[in-house]
Amino acid sequence: MFHELSQRFDFEAAHTLERDRDAEPSRRIHGHTYHAEVTVRGQPDPRTGMLMDVGELRSHLATVRDLLDHRLLNEVDGLGKPTLERLCGFIAKRLRGPLPGLASVRVWRASGDHCKLVLCSQASSAPSMDAMRPGRHDPDPSEVEVASGDNRTSFNRRSTAQVGTGSSRPLRVALAMPAEQESLIDLLCEIHRYYNDGRTPSREAVRTHLLENLLSRASPHRLVVATLHDGTVVGLAAFTLVYSLVDFDEDKRKHCQLKELYVSAGERSKGAGRALMSWVANHARENGCHRIDWPVKASNARGIAFYESLGAERVVDRLSYRISEPGLSRLARIGA
């Protein structure tokens, strides 16, 4: 016997679709109101009486909805041809990490067309959600393990990673979620102190920047966080997928630009940095990128050694330039 918990979300989106029947109307850009239902399966926690908190479930769905709502689906990274089947797979792929008991995803439109993707066995019993938390499941063939000193990093190709640290604490790696906001602010404050001689920023200023800029739809960056089982964010990676202006072959025209990789001081050398880089590498490959580029301070010997341990090669024929005020204003006035 098991329980199922479902939650629904709606989104408005446009697409164009190549098909054999009714080809011309489908080929023109048109929009739909989509409905999606996500179901998790397992046994309720004896302590709380819940399979999972519905507020947590809604938070995860809101993050996925933001990737689809009021978008041209043909331009959504990682979706591919915007069919109902692909939408189910896209949603499932982004939820399997934070929702280890994910059982099914259903997507439908008002016209009556619908598709359901079933991910869990229909067996008569299922483990509790707690039993399926990161670090407590048996690896499947899509996982690989990388030894990191006394630590072991288990990277799952379904866009999540679990790390067993020296203290046996499970670590989850996934796109930043609204529920992690406060702990993510703590880490951003630490990053600010690291780069600004220990000066502490205004927490409200960091909150505003996070919500209005870093996590906004307009931001070119995506934030991936490494989170402990108690919800503490201990590391992050920020990256952008960009197109080349000089390489036009399909396997070379897109690459990933890593803006920042940071692990909290007390969590370094425990596998978090490796898990974050593995997540970004997997995401880059799945989205057609052939390489990852990033800068590093010449004085950061520890960081350089870490990157080279991953197999990264130093680019010796490139230099980094920067122009800031007042030079930036003088340059802007040249063409005024």
Foldseek 3Di string as FASTA:
>chain_A
DKDKDKDKDKAKEWEAAADDPPGPVRRDIDIFIKMKMWMFMAHADPVPRHLDDVVVVVQLVVLVRQQGHHYHVCPRFLQHGPDLVSVQVVSCLQCCQVRVRTAKMKMDTPVGDIDMDGDDDPDPHHHRSVCRHAPNDDDDPQWDWDDQPPWIKIAHLSLWTWIQFPVRWTKIKHFDTPVLLVLVLVVVQVVCCVVPVRDGDDSVVSSCCVVVEVSDPPHQKTKMFIATPVSHTFWIWIKHKDADPPDDDQLAGIAMETEDTDGHPVCPSGCRSVNNVVSVVSSGVSRRHNYYDYDDDPPPPVVVVVCVVVVDDDDPPDDDDDDDPPRVVVVVVVVD
